[in-house]
Full PDB file with SEQRES, HELIX, SHEET, SSBOND, CRYST1, ORIGX, SCALE, CONECT and MASTER records, all heavy atoms in Angstrom:
SEQRES   1 A   40  ASN GLY LYS ASN ARG THR LEU TYR LEU PRO HIS VAL ALA          
SEQRES   2 A   40  SER ILE GLU ALA GLN THR ARG ASP ASN LEU LYS LYS THR          
SEQRES   3 A   40  VAL ALA GLU LEU GLY LEU GLU ASN GLY SER GLU ILE MET          
SEQRES   4 A   40  VAL                                                          
HELIX    1 AA1 ALA A   13  THR A   19  1                                   7    
HELIX    2 AA2 ARG A   20  LYS A   24  5                                   5    
CRYST1    1.000    1.000    1.000  90.00  90.00  90.00 P 1           1          
ORIGX1      1.000000  0.000000  0.000000        0.00000                         
ORIGX2      0.000000  1.000000  0.000000        0.00000                         
ORIGX3      0.000000  0.000000  1.000000        0.00000                         
SCALE1      1.000000  0.000000  0.000000        0.00000                         
SCALE2      0.000000  1.000000  0.000000        0.00000                         
SCALE3      0.000000  0.000000  1.000000        0.00000                         
ATOM      1  N   ASN A   1      37.259 115.751  85.769  1.00  0.00           N  
ATOM      2  CA  ASN A   1      38.339 116.151  84.970  1.00  0.00           C  
ATOM      3  C   ASN A   1      39.752 116.068  85.541  1.00  0.00           C  
ATOM      4  O   ASN A   1      40.681 116.840  85.394  1.00  0.00           O  
ATOM      5  CB  ASN A   1      38.109 117.788  84.591  1.00  0.00           C  
ATOM      6  CG  ASN A   1      36.825 117.923  83.792  1.00  0.00           C  
ATOM      7  OD1 ASN A   1      36.492 117.041  83.144  1.00  0.00           O  
ATOM      8  ND2 ASN A   1      36.205 119.081  84.079  1.00  0.00           N  
ATOM      9  N   GLY A   2      39.837 114.844  86.145  1.00  0.00           N  
ATOM     10  CA  GLY A   2      41.224 114.436  86.803  1.00  0.00           C  
ATOM     11  C   GLY A   2      41.532 115.104  88.114  1.00  0.00           C  
ATOM     12  O   GLY A   2      42.677 114.938  88.544  1.00  0.00           O  
ATOM     13  N   LYS A   3      40.644 115.937  88.606  1.00  0.00           N  
ATOM     14  CA  LYS A   3      40.864 116.586  89.871  1.00  0.00           C  
ATOM     15  C   LYS A   3      39.851 116.147  90.958  1.00  0.00           C  
ATOM     16  O   LYS A   3      38.704 115.837  90.716  1.00  0.00           O  
ATOM     17  CB  LYS A   3      40.781 118.115  89.749  1.00  0.00           C  
ATOM     18  CG  LYS A   3      41.815 118.723  88.822  1.00  0.00           C  
ATOM     19  CD  LYS A   3      41.783 120.140  88.688  1.00  0.00           C  
ATOM     20  CE  LYS A   3      42.823 120.772  87.731  1.00  0.00           C  
ATOM     21  NZ  LYS A   3      42.694 122.242  87.656  1.00  0.00           N  
ATOM     22  N   ASN A   4      40.380 116.222  92.270  1.00  0.00           N  
ATOM     23  CA  ASN A   4      39.496 115.894  93.331  1.00  0.00           C  
ATOM     24  C   ASN A   4      38.679 117.047  93.807  1.00  0.00           C  
ATOM     25  O   ASN A   4      39.449 118.104  94.214  1.00  0.00           O  
ATOM     26  CB  ASN A   4      40.349 115.188  94.527  1.00  0.00           C  
ATOM     27  CG  ASN A   4      39.380 114.681  95.530  1.00  0.00           C  
ATOM     28  OD1 ASN A   4      38.194 114.464  95.356  1.00  0.00           O  
ATOM     29  ND2 ASN A   4      39.933 114.372  96.760  1.00  0.00           N  
ATOM     30  N   ARG A   5      37.555 117.042  93.648  1.00  0.00           N  
ATOM     31  CA  ARG A   5      36.733 118.363  93.890  1.00  0.00           C  
ATOM     32  C   ARG A   5      35.650 118.131  95.013  1.00  0.00           C  
ATOM     33  O   ARG A   5      34.943 117.138  94.983  1.00  0.00           O  
ATOM     34  CB  ARG A   5      35.919 118.818  92.549  1.00  0.00           C  
ATOM     35  CG  ARG A   5      35.180 120.105  92.838  1.00  0.00           C  
ATOM     36  CD  ARG A   5      34.464 120.409  91.513  1.00  0.00           C  
ATOM     37  NE  ARG A   5      33.539 121.546  91.749  1.00  0.00           N  
ATOM     38  CZ  ARG A   5      32.693 121.972  90.939  1.00  0.00           C  
ATOM     39  NH1 ARG A   5      32.577 121.229  89.650  1.00  0.00           N  
ATOM     40  NH2 ARG A   5      31.852 122.986  91.125  1.00  0.00           N  
ATOM     41  N   THR A   6      35.590 118.962  96.019  1.00  0.00           N  
ATOM     42  CA  THR A   6      34.637 118.955  97.079  1.00  0.00           C  
ATOM     43  C   THR A   6      33.370 119.558  96.625  1.00  0.00           C  
ATOM     44  O   THR A   6      33.314 120.715  96.352  1.00  0.00           O  
ATOM     45  CB  THR A   6      35.079 119.696  98.342  1.00  0.00           C  
ATOM     46  OG1 THR A   6      36.374 118.969  98.842  1.00  0.00           O  
ATOM     47  CG2 THR A   6      34.145 119.479  99.474  1.00  0.00           C  
ATOM     48  N   LEU A   7      32.346 118.658  96.645  1.00  0.00           N  
ATOM     49  CA  LEU A   7      30.982 119.211  96.086  1.00  0.00           C  
ATOM     50  C   LEU A   7      30.230 119.887  97.265  1.00  0.00           C  
ATOM     51  O   LEU A   7      29.522 120.845  97.108  1.00  0.00           O  
ATOM     52  CB  LEU A   7      30.146 118.075  95.415  1.00  0.00           C  
ATOM     53  CG  LEU A   7      30.873 117.432  94.211  1.00  0.00           C  
ATOM     54  CD1 LEU A   7      29.950 116.438  93.589  1.00  0.00           C  
ATOM     55  CD2 LEU A   7      31.361 118.521  93.222  1.00  0.00           C  
ATOM     56  N   TYR A   8      30.251 119.125  98.384  1.00  0.00           N  
ATOM     57  CA  TYR A   8      29.727 119.670  99.695  1.00  0.00           C  
ATOM     58  C   TYR A   8      30.212 118.981 100.817  1.00  0.00           C  
ATOM     59  O   TYR A   8      30.415 117.785 100.951  1.00  0.00           O  
ATOM     60  CB  TYR A   8      28.120 119.411  99.550  1.00  0.00           C  
ATOM     61  CG  TYR A   8      27.437 120.056 100.718  1.00  0.00           C  
ATOM     62  CD1 TYR A   8      27.318 121.498 100.878  1.00  0.00           C  
ATOM     63  CD2 TYR A   8      26.762 119.238 101.658  1.00  0.00           C  
ATOM     64  CE1 TYR A   8      26.636 122.079 101.935  1.00  0.00           C  
ATOM     65  CE2 TYR A   8      26.061 119.898 102.754  1.00  0.00           C  
ATOM     66  CZ  TYR A   8      26.059 121.271 102.917  1.00  0.00           C  
ATOM     67  OH  TYR A   8      25.422 121.808 103.985  1.00  0.00           O  
ATOM     68  N   LEU A   9      30.479 119.866 101.882  1.00  0.00           N  
ATOM     69  CA  LEU A   9      31.019 119.352 103.095  1.00  0.00           C  
ATOM     70  C   LEU A   9      30.427 120.050 104.223  1.00  0.00           C  
ATOM     71  O   LEU A   9      30.639 121.200 104.412  1.00  0.00           O  
ATOM     72  CB  LEU A   9      32.555 119.570 103.148  1.00  0.00           C  
ATOM     73  CG  LEU A   9      33.289 118.886 104.289  1.00  0.00           C  
ATOM     74  CD1 LEU A   9      33.156 117.282 104.035  1.00  0.00           C  
ATOM     75  CD2 LEU A   9      34.727 119.187 104.287  1.00  0.00           C  
ATOM     76  N   PRO A  10      29.452 119.354 104.997  1.00  0.00           N  
ATOM     77  CA  PRO A  10      28.679 120.042 105.983  1.00  0.00           C  
ATOM     78  C   PRO A  10      29.322 120.293 107.331  1.00  0.00           C  
ATOM     79  O   PRO A  10      28.898 121.166 108.178  1.00  0.00           O  
ATOM     80  CB  PRO A  10      27.414 119.168 106.184  1.00  0.00           C  
ATOM     81  CG  PRO A  10      27.944 117.954 105.827  1.00  0.00           C  
ATOM     82  CD  PRO A  10      28.953 117.980 104.821  1.00  0.00           C  
ATOM     83  N   HIS A  11      30.435 119.614 107.648  1.00  0.00           N  
ATOM     84  CA  HIS A  11      30.933 119.663 109.013  1.00  0.00           C  
ATOM     85  C   HIS A  11      32.047 120.704 109.194  1.00  0.00           C  
ATOM     86  O   HIS A  11      32.400 120.993 110.334  1.00  0.00           O  
ATOM     87  CB  HIS A  11      31.622 118.241 109.248  1.00  0.00           C  
ATOM     88  CG  HIS A  11      30.723 117.048 108.902  1.00  0.00           C  
ATOM     89  ND1 HIS A  11      29.589 117.008 109.635  1.00  0.00           N  
ATOM     90  CD2 HIS A  11      30.805 116.017 107.981  1.00  0.00           C  
ATOM     91  CE1 HIS A  11      28.827 115.773 109.176  1.00  0.00           C  
ATOM     92  NE2 HIS A  11      29.598 115.322 108.195  1.00  0.00           N  
ATOM     93  N   VAL A  12      32.582 121.414 108.213  1.00  0.00           N  
ATOM     94  CA  VAL A  12      33.481 122.521 108.335  1.00  0.00           C  
ATOM     95  C   VAL A  12      32.843 123.738 107.908  1.00  0.00           C  
ATOM     96  O   VAL A  12      32.524 123.855 106.784  1.00  0.00           O  
ATOM     97  CB  VAL A  12      34.798 122.112 107.578  1.00  0.00           C  
ATOM     98  CG1 VAL A  12      35.781 123.276 107.828  1.00  0.00           C  
ATOM     99  CG2 VAL A  12      35.523 120.808 108.056  1.00  0.00           C  
ATOM    100  N   ALA A  13      32.633 124.723 108.756  1.00  0.00           N  
ATOM    101  CA  ALA A  13      31.864 125.871 108.546  1.00  0.00           C  
ATOM    102  C   ALA A  13      32.352 126.510 107.300  1.00  0.00           C  
ATOM    103  O   ALA A  13      31.531 126.913 106.446  1.00  0.00           O  
ATOM    104  CB  ALA A  13      31.837 126.742 109.881  1.00  0.00           C  
ATOM    105  N   SER A  14      33.622 126.819 107.190  1.00  0.00           N  
ATOM    106  CA  SER A  14      34.116 127.612 106.092  1.00  0.00           C  
ATOM    107  C   SER A  14      33.966 126.872 104.790  1.00  0.00           C  
ATOM    108  O   SER A  14      33.575 127.580 103.862  1.00  0.00           O  
ATOM    109  CB  SER A  14      35.715 127.879 106.383  1.00  0.00           C  
ATOM    110  OG  SER A  14      36.377 126.609 106.447  1.00  0.00           O  
ATOM    111  N   ILE A  15      34.160 125.546 104.795  1.00  0.00           N  
ATOM    112  CA  ILE A  15      33.965 124.850 103.460  1.00  0.00           C  
ATOM    113  C   ILE A  15      32.476 124.641 103.237  1.00  0.00           C  
ATOM    114  O   ILE A  15      32.114 124.762 101.993  1.00  0.00           O  
ATOM    115  CB  ILE A  15      34.569 123.474 103.598  1.00  0.00           C  
ATOM    116  CG1 ILE A  15      36.054 123.525 103.813  1.00  0.00           C  
ATOM    117  CG2 ILE A  15      34.381 122.576 102.281  1.00  0.00           C  
ATOM    118  CD1 ILE A  15      36.881 122.281 104.077  1.00  0.00           C  
ATOM    119  N   GLU A  16      31.708 124.519 104.279  1.00  0.00           N  
ATOM    120  CA  GLU A  16      30.220 124.390 104.038  1.00  0.00           C  
ATOM    121  C   GLU A  16      29.707 125.663 103.334  1.00  0.00           C  
ATOM    122  O   GLU A  16      28.796 125.628 102.412  1.00  0.00           O  
ATOM    123  CB  GLU A  16      29.462 124.204 105.287  1.00  0.00           C  
ATOM    124  CG  GLU A  16      28.043 123.792 105.159  1.00  0.00           C  
ATOM    125  CD  GLU A  16      27.065 124.851 104.842  1.00  0.00           C  
ATOM    126  OE1 GLU A  16      27.347 126.055 105.191  1.00  0.00           O  
ATOM    127  OE2 GLU A  16      25.983 124.656 104.236  1.00  0.00           O  
ATOM    128  N   ALA A  17      30.114 126.877 103.855  1.00  0.00           N  
ATOM    129  CA  ALA A  17      29.750 128.209 103.149  1.00  0.00           C  
ATOM    130  C   ALA A  17      30.130 128.143 101.660  1.00  0.00           C  
ATOM    131  O   ALA A  17      29.461 128.768 100.915  1.00  0.00           O  
ATOM    132  CB  ALA A  17      30.338 129.331 104.003  1.00  0.00           C  
ATOM    133  N   GLN A  18      31.434 127.710 101.430  1.00  0.00           N  
ATOM    134  CA  GLN A  18      31.866 127.830 100.134  1.00  0.00           C  
ATOM    135  C   GLN A  18      31.168 126.854  99.072  1.00  0.00           C  
ATOM    136  O   GLN A  18      31.129 127.118  97.918  1.00  0.00           O  
ATOM    137  CB  GLN A  18      33.455 127.586 100.082  1.00  0.00           C  
ATOM    138  CG  GLN A  18      34.214 128.493 100.834  1.00  0.00           C  
ATOM    139  CD  GLN A  18      35.792 127.977 100.790  1.00  0.00           C  
ATOM    140  OE1 GLN A  18      36.261 127.173 100.092  1.00  0.00           O  
ATOM    141  NE2 GLN A  18      36.513 128.582 101.801  1.00  0.00           N  
ATOM    142  N   THR A  19      30.741 125.729  99.593  1.00  0.00           N  
ATOM    143  CA  THR A  19      30.175 124.830  98.713  1.00  0.00           C  
ATOM    144  C   THR A  19      28.601 124.710  98.806  1.00  0.00           C  
ATOM    145  O   THR A  19      27.885 123.875  98.101  1.00  0.00           O  
ATOM    146  CB  THR A  19      30.585 123.355  99.181  1.00  0.00           C  
ATOM    147  OG1 THR A  19      30.309 122.999 100.493  1.00  0.00           O  
ATOM    148  CG2 THR A  19      32.090 123.250  98.944  1.00  0.00           C  
ATOM    149  N   ARG A  20      27.940 125.654  99.638  1.00  0.00           N  
ATOM    150  CA  ARG A  20      26.461 125.629  99.781  1.00  0.00           C  
ATOM    151  C   ARG A  20      25.806 125.913  98.568  1.00  0.00           C  
ATOM    152  O   ARG A  20      24.715 125.171  98.262  1.00  0.00           O  
ATOM    153  CB  ARG A  20      26.109 126.805 100.866  1.00  0.00           C  
ATOM    154  CG  ARG A  20      24.732 126.605 101.394  1.00  0.00           C  
ATOM    155  CD  ARG A  20      24.424 127.696 102.316  1.00  0.00           C  
ATOM    156  NE  ARG A  20      25.531 127.731 103.428  1.00  0.00           N  
ATOM    157  CZ  ARG A  20      25.782 128.674 104.183  1.00  0.00           C  
ATOM    158  NH1 ARG A  20      25.261 129.972 103.783  1.00  0.00           N  
ATOM    159  NH2 ARG A  20      26.626 128.529 105.081  1.00  0.00           N  
ATOM    160  N   ASP A  21      26.334 126.715  97.629  1.00  0.00           N  
ATOM    161  CA  ASP A  21      25.767 127.070  96.343  1.00  0.00           C  
ATOM    162  C   ASP A  21      25.475 125.672  95.465  1.00  0.00           C  
ATOM    163  O   ASP A  21      24.597 125.623  94.563  1.00  0.00           O  
ATOM    164  CB  ASP A  21      26.435 128.191  95.628  1.00  0.00           C  
ATOM    165  CG  ASP A  21      26.174 129.416  96.263  1.00  0.00           C  
ATOM    166  OD1 ASP A  21      25.189 129.564  97.081  1.00  0.00           O  
ATOM    167  OD2 ASP A  21      27.030 130.291  95.981  1.00  0.00           O  
ATOM    168  N   ASN A  22      26.411 124.724  95.642  1.00  0.00           N  
ATOM    169  CA  ASN A  22      26.378 123.574  94.888  1.00  0.00           C  
ATOM    170  C   ASN A  22      25.132 122.792  95.165  1.00  0.00           C  
ATOM    171  O   ASN A  22      24.633 121.944  94.171  1.00  0.00           O  
ATOM    172  CB  ASN A  22      27.551 122.723  95.269  1.00  0.00           C  
ATOM    173  CG  ASN A  22      28.919 123.185  94.564  1.00  0.00           C  
ATOM    174  OD1 ASN A  22      28.882 124.152  93.609  1.00  0.00           O  
ATOM    175  ND2 ASN A  22      29.984 122.827  95.118  1.00  0.00           N  
ATOM    176  N   LEU A  23      24.488 122.955  96.293  1.00  0.00           N  
ATOM    177  CA  LEU A  23      23.298 122.130  96.598  1.00  0.00           C  
ATOM    178  C   LEU A  23      22.155 122.551  95.551  1.00  0.00           C  
ATOM    179  O   LEU A  23      21.290 121.603  95.258  1.00  0.00           O  
ATOM    180  CB  LEU A  23      22.822 122.533  98.011  1.00  0.00           C  
ATOM    181  CG  LEU A  23      23.738 121.968  99.174  1.00  0.00           C  
ATOM    182  CD1 LEU A  23      23.156 122.557 100.454  1.00  0.00           C  
ATOM    183  CD2 LEU A  23      23.948 120.527  99.231  1.00  0.00           C  
ATOM    184  N   LYS A  24      22.168 123.652  94.974  1.00  0.00           N  
ATOM    185  CA  LYS A  24      21.088 124.143  94.060  1.00  0.00           C  
ATOM    186  C   LYS A  24      21.419 123.650  92.654  1.00  0.00           C  
ATOM    187  O   LYS A  24      20.524 123.779  91.733  1.00  0.00           O  
ATOM    188  CB  LYS A  24      20.920 125.570  94.154  1.00  0.00           C  
ATOM    189  CG  LYS A  24      20.577 126.116  95.518  1.00  0.00           C  
ATOM    190  CD  LYS A  24      20.508 127.652  95.496  1.00  0.00           C  
ATOM    191  CE  LYS A  24      20.347 128.183  96.984  1.00  0.00           C  
ATOM    192  NZ  LYS A  24      20.359 129.685  96.940  1.00  0.00           N  
ATOM    193  N   LYS A  25      22.617 123.098  92.432  1.00  0.00           N  
ATOM    194  CA  LYS A  25      22.997 122.855  91.030  1.00  0.00           C  
ATOM    195  C   LYS A  25      22.722 121.354  90.823  1.00  0.00           C  
ATOM    196  O   LYS A  25      22.612 120.519  91.703  1.00  0.00           O  
ATOM    197  CB  LYS A  25      24.475 123.012  90.886  1.00  0.00           C  
ATOM    198  CG  LYS A  25      24.964 124.496  90.954  1.00  0.00           C  
ATOM    199  CD  LYS A  25      26.301 124.686  90.856  1.00  0.00           C  
ATOM    200  CE  LYS A  25      26.794 126.137  90.963  1.00  0.00           C  
ATOM    201  NZ  LYS A  25      28.248 126.239  90.811  1.00  0.00           N  
ATOM    202  N   THR A  26      22.476 121.058  89.528  1.00  0.00           N  
ATOM    203  CA  THR A  26      22.246 119.583  89.194  1.00  0.00           C  
ATOM    204  C   THR A  26      23.629 118.838  89.154  1.00  0.00           C  
ATOM    205  O   THR A  26      24.652 119.541  88.985  1.00  0.00           O  
ATOM    206  CB  THR A  26      21.608 119.471  87.782  1.00  0.00           C  
ATOM    207  OG1 THR A  26      22.445 120.036  86.800  1.00  0.00           O  
ATOM    208  CG2 THR A  26      20.288 120.325  87.782  1.00  0.00           C  
ATOM    209  N   VAL A  27      23.574 117.609  89.109  1.00  0.00           N  
ATOM    210  CA  VAL A  27      24.775 116.834  89.134  1.00  0.00           C  
ATOM    211  C   VAL A  27      25.565 117.032  87.690  1.00  0.00           C  
ATOM    212  O   VAL A  27      26.760 116.991  87.598  1.00  0.00           O  
ATOM    213  CB  VAL A  27      24.606 115.238  89.380  1.00  0.00           C  
ATOM    214  CG1 VAL A  27      24.091 115.082  90.827  1.00  0.00           C  
ATOM    215  CG2 VAL A  27      23.567 114.635  88.369  1.00  0.00           C  
ATOM    216  N   ALA A  28      24.722 117.160  86.691  1.00  0.00           N  
ATOM    217  CA  ALA A  28      25.264 117.443  85.380  1.00  0.00           C  
ATOM    218  C   ALA A  28      25.978 118.775  85.319  1.00  0.00           C  
ATOM    219  O   ALA A  28      27.126 118.815  84.811  1.00  0.00           O  
ATOM    220  CB  ALA A  28      24.135 117.380  84.327  1.00  0.00           C  
ATOM    221  N   GLU A  29      25.434 119.740  85.950  1.00  0.00           N  
ATOM    222  CA  GLU A  29      26.100 121.042  86.067  1.00  0.00           C  
ATOM    223  C   GLU A  29      27.355 121.092  86.780  1.00  0.00           C  
ATOM    224  O   GLU A  29      28.309 121.803  86.687  1.00  0.00           O  
ATOM    225  CB  GLU A  29      25.089 122.111  86.626  1.00  0.00           C  
ATOM    226  CG  GLU A  29      23.978 122.487  85.775  1.00  0.00           C  
ATOM    227  CD  GLU A  29      22.888 123.379  86.594  1.00  0.00           C  
ATOM    228  OE1 GLU A  29      22.994 123.293  87.820  1.00  0.00           O  
ATOM    229  OE2 GLU A  29      22.161 124.061  85.880  1.00  0.00           O  
ATOM    230  N   LEU A  30      27.454 120.151  87.782  1.00  0.00           N  
ATOM    231  CA  LEU A  30      28.621 119.928  88.518  1.00  0.00           C  
ATOM    232  C   LEU A  30      29.778 119.155  87.835  1.00  0.00           C  
ATOM    233  O   LEU A  30      30.835 118.876  88.438  1.00  0.00           O  
ATOM    234  CB  LEU A  30      28.265 119.290  90.013  1.00  0.00           C  
ATOM    235  CG  LEU A  30      27.519 120.200  90.858  1.00  0.00           C  
ATOM    236  CD1 LEU A  30      27.053 119.305  92.040  1.00  0.00           C  
ATOM    237  CD2 LEU A  30      28.199 121.349  91.390  1.00  0.00           C  
ATOM    238  N   GLY A  31      29.413 118.647  86.729  1.00  0.00           N  
ATOM    239  CA  GLY A  31      30.319 117.828  85.912  1.00  0.00           C  
ATOM    240  C   GLY A  31      30.319 116.295  86.095  1.00  0.00           C  
ATOM    241  O   GLY A  31      31.105 115.533  85.762  1.00  0.00           O  
ATOM    242  N   LEU A  32      29.278 115.839  86.781  1.00  0.00           N  
ATOM    243  CA  LEU A  32      29.029 114.445  87.024  1.00  0.00           C  
ATOM    244  C   LEU A  32      28.236 113.894  85.818  1.00  0.00           C  
ATOM    245  O   LEU A  32      27.365 114.463  85.350  1.00  0.00           O  
ATOM    246  CB  LEU A  32      28.390 114.128  88.312  1.00  0.00           C  
ATOM    247  CG  LEU A  32      29.114 114.681  89.594  1.00  0.00           C  
ATOM    248  CD1 LEU A  32      28.254 114.427  90.811  1.00  0.00           C  
ATOM    249  CD2 LEU A  32      30.422 113.775  89.635  1.00  0.00           C  
ATOM    250  N   GLU A  33      28.669 112.660  85.503  1.00  0.00           N  
ATOM    251  CA  GLU A  33      28.084 111.950  84.279  1.00  0.00           C  
ATOM    252  C   GLU A  33      27.585 110.459  84.648  1.00  0.00           C  
ATOM    253  O   GLU A  33      28.030 110.071  85.821  1.00  0.00           O  
ATOM    254  CB  GLU A  33      29.083 111.843  83.111  1.00  0.00           C  
ATOM    255  CG  GLU A  33      29.580 113.205  82.647  1.00  0.00           C  
ATOM    256  CD  GLU A  33      30.698 113.035  81.578  1.00  0.00           C  
ATOM    257  OE1 GLU A  33      31.210 111.848  81.516  1.00  0.00           O  
ATOM    258  OE2 GLU A  33      30.919 114.012  80.937  1.00  0.00           O  
ATOM    259  N   ASN A  34      26.921 109.818  83.856  1.00  0.00           N  
ATOM    260  CA  ASN A  34      26.639 108.526  84.161  1.00  0.00           C  
ATOM    261  C   ASN A  34      27.835 107.602  84.261  1.00  0.00           C  
ATOM    262  O   ASN A  34      28.798 107.696  83.316  1.00  0.00           O  
ATOM    263  CB  ASN A  34      25.752 107.898  82.955  1.00  0.00           C  
ATOM    264  CG  ASN A  34      25.233 106.387  83.307  1.00  0.00           C  
ATOM    265  OD1 ASN A  34      24.657 106.259  84.311  1.00  0.00           O  
ATOM    266  ND2 ASN A  34      25.456 105.673  82.230  1.00  0.00           N  
ATOM    267  N   GLY A  35      28.038 106.966  85.362  1.00  0.00           N  
ATOM    268  CA  GLY A  35      29.288 106.150  85.662  1.00  0.00           C  
ATOM    269  C   GLY A  35      30.301 106.945  86.427  1.00  0.00           C  
ATOM    270  O   GLY A  35      31.399 106.395  86.868  1.00  0.00           O  
ATOM    271  N   SER A  36      30.048 108.197  86.716  1.00  0.00           N  
ATOM    272  CA  SER A  36      31.018 108.982  87.477  1.00  0.00           C  
ATOM    273  C   SER A  36      31.160 108.486  89.005  1.00  0.00           C  
ATOM    274  O   SER A  36      30.209 107.844  89.536  1.00  0.00           O  
ATOM    275  CB  SER A  36      30.550 110.474  87.625  1.00  0.00           C  
ATOM    276  OG  SER A  36      30.741 111.084  86.342  1.00  0.00           O  
ATOM    277  N   GLU A  37      32.339 108.659  89.634  1.00  0.00           N  
ATOM    278  CA  GLU A  37      32.515 107.977  90.927  1.00  0.00           C  
ATOM    279  C   GLU A  37      32.496 109.191  91.884  1.00  0.00           C  
ATOM    280  O   GLU A  37      33.115 110.249  91.638  1.00  0.00           O  
ATOM    281  CB  GLU A  37      33.986 107.374  90.817  1.00  0.00           C  
ATOM    282  CG  GLU A  37      34.293 106.506  91.955  1.00  0.00           C  
ATOM    283  CD  GLU A  37      35.549 105.794  91.924  1.00  0.00           C  
ATOM    284  OE1 GLU A  37      36.568 106.412  92.084  1.00  0.00           O  
ATOM    285  OE2 GLU A  37      35.597 104.646  91.504  1.00  0.00           O  
ATOM    286  N   ILE A  38      31.738 108.955  92.886  1.00  0.00           N  
ATOM    287  CA  ILE A  38      31.622 110.048  93.982  1.00  0.00           C  
ATOM    288  C   ILE A  38      32.153 109.311  95.280  1.00  0.00           C  
ATOM    289  O   ILE A  38      31.943 108.088  95.522  1.00  0.00           O  
ATOM    290  CB  ILE A  38      30.358 110.657  94.134  1.00  0.00           C  
ATOM    291  CG1 ILE A  38      29.256 109.584  94.574  1.00  0.00           C  
ATOM    292  CG2 ILE A  38      29.923 111.450  93.036  1.00  0.00           C  
ATOM    293  CD1 ILE A  38      27.916 110.205  95.016  1.00  0.00           C  
ATOM    294  N   MET A  39      32.770 110.137  96.130  1.00  0.00           N  
ATOM    295  CA  MET A  39      33.139 109.571  97.523  1.00  0.00           C  
ATOM    296  C   MET A  39      32.240 110.287  98.531  1.00  0.00           C  
ATOM    297  O   MET A  39      32.118 111.568  98.629  1.00  0.00           O  
ATOM    298  CB  MET A  39      34.639 109.888  97.791  1.00  0.00           C  
ATOM    299  CG  MET A  39      35.587 109.032  97.019  1.00  0.00           C  
ATOM    300  SD  MET A  39      35.555 109.303  95.259  1.00  0.00           S  
ATOM    301  CE  MET A  39      36.351 110.809  95.175  1.00  0.00           C  
ATOM    302  N   VAL A  40      31.617 109.603  99.518  1.00  0.00           N  
ATOM    303  CA  VAL A  40      30.774 110.035 100.486  1.00  0.00           C  
ATOM    304  C   VAL A  40      31.231 109.713 101.754  1.00  0.00           C  
ATOM    305  O   VAL A  40      31.495 108.536 102.293  1.00  0.00           O  
ATOM    306  CB  VAL A  40      29.300 109.407 100.265  1.00  0.00           C  
ATOM    307  CG1 VAL A  40      28.288 109.931 101.274  1.00  0.00           C  
ATOM    308  CG2 VAL A  40      28.763 109.591  98.904  1.00  0.00           C  
TER     309      VAL A  40                                                      
MASTER        0    0    0    2    0    0    0    6  308    1    0    4          
END                                                                             
């Protein structure tokens, strides 16, 4: 939706704790669609 969103970041403890719940969500629930661009 036009914003850069961190879905999961394992290397920074504080961010890992904040994004850990996303691991249980589907990519659709996270707002990703067919053709969506992700940065790894």
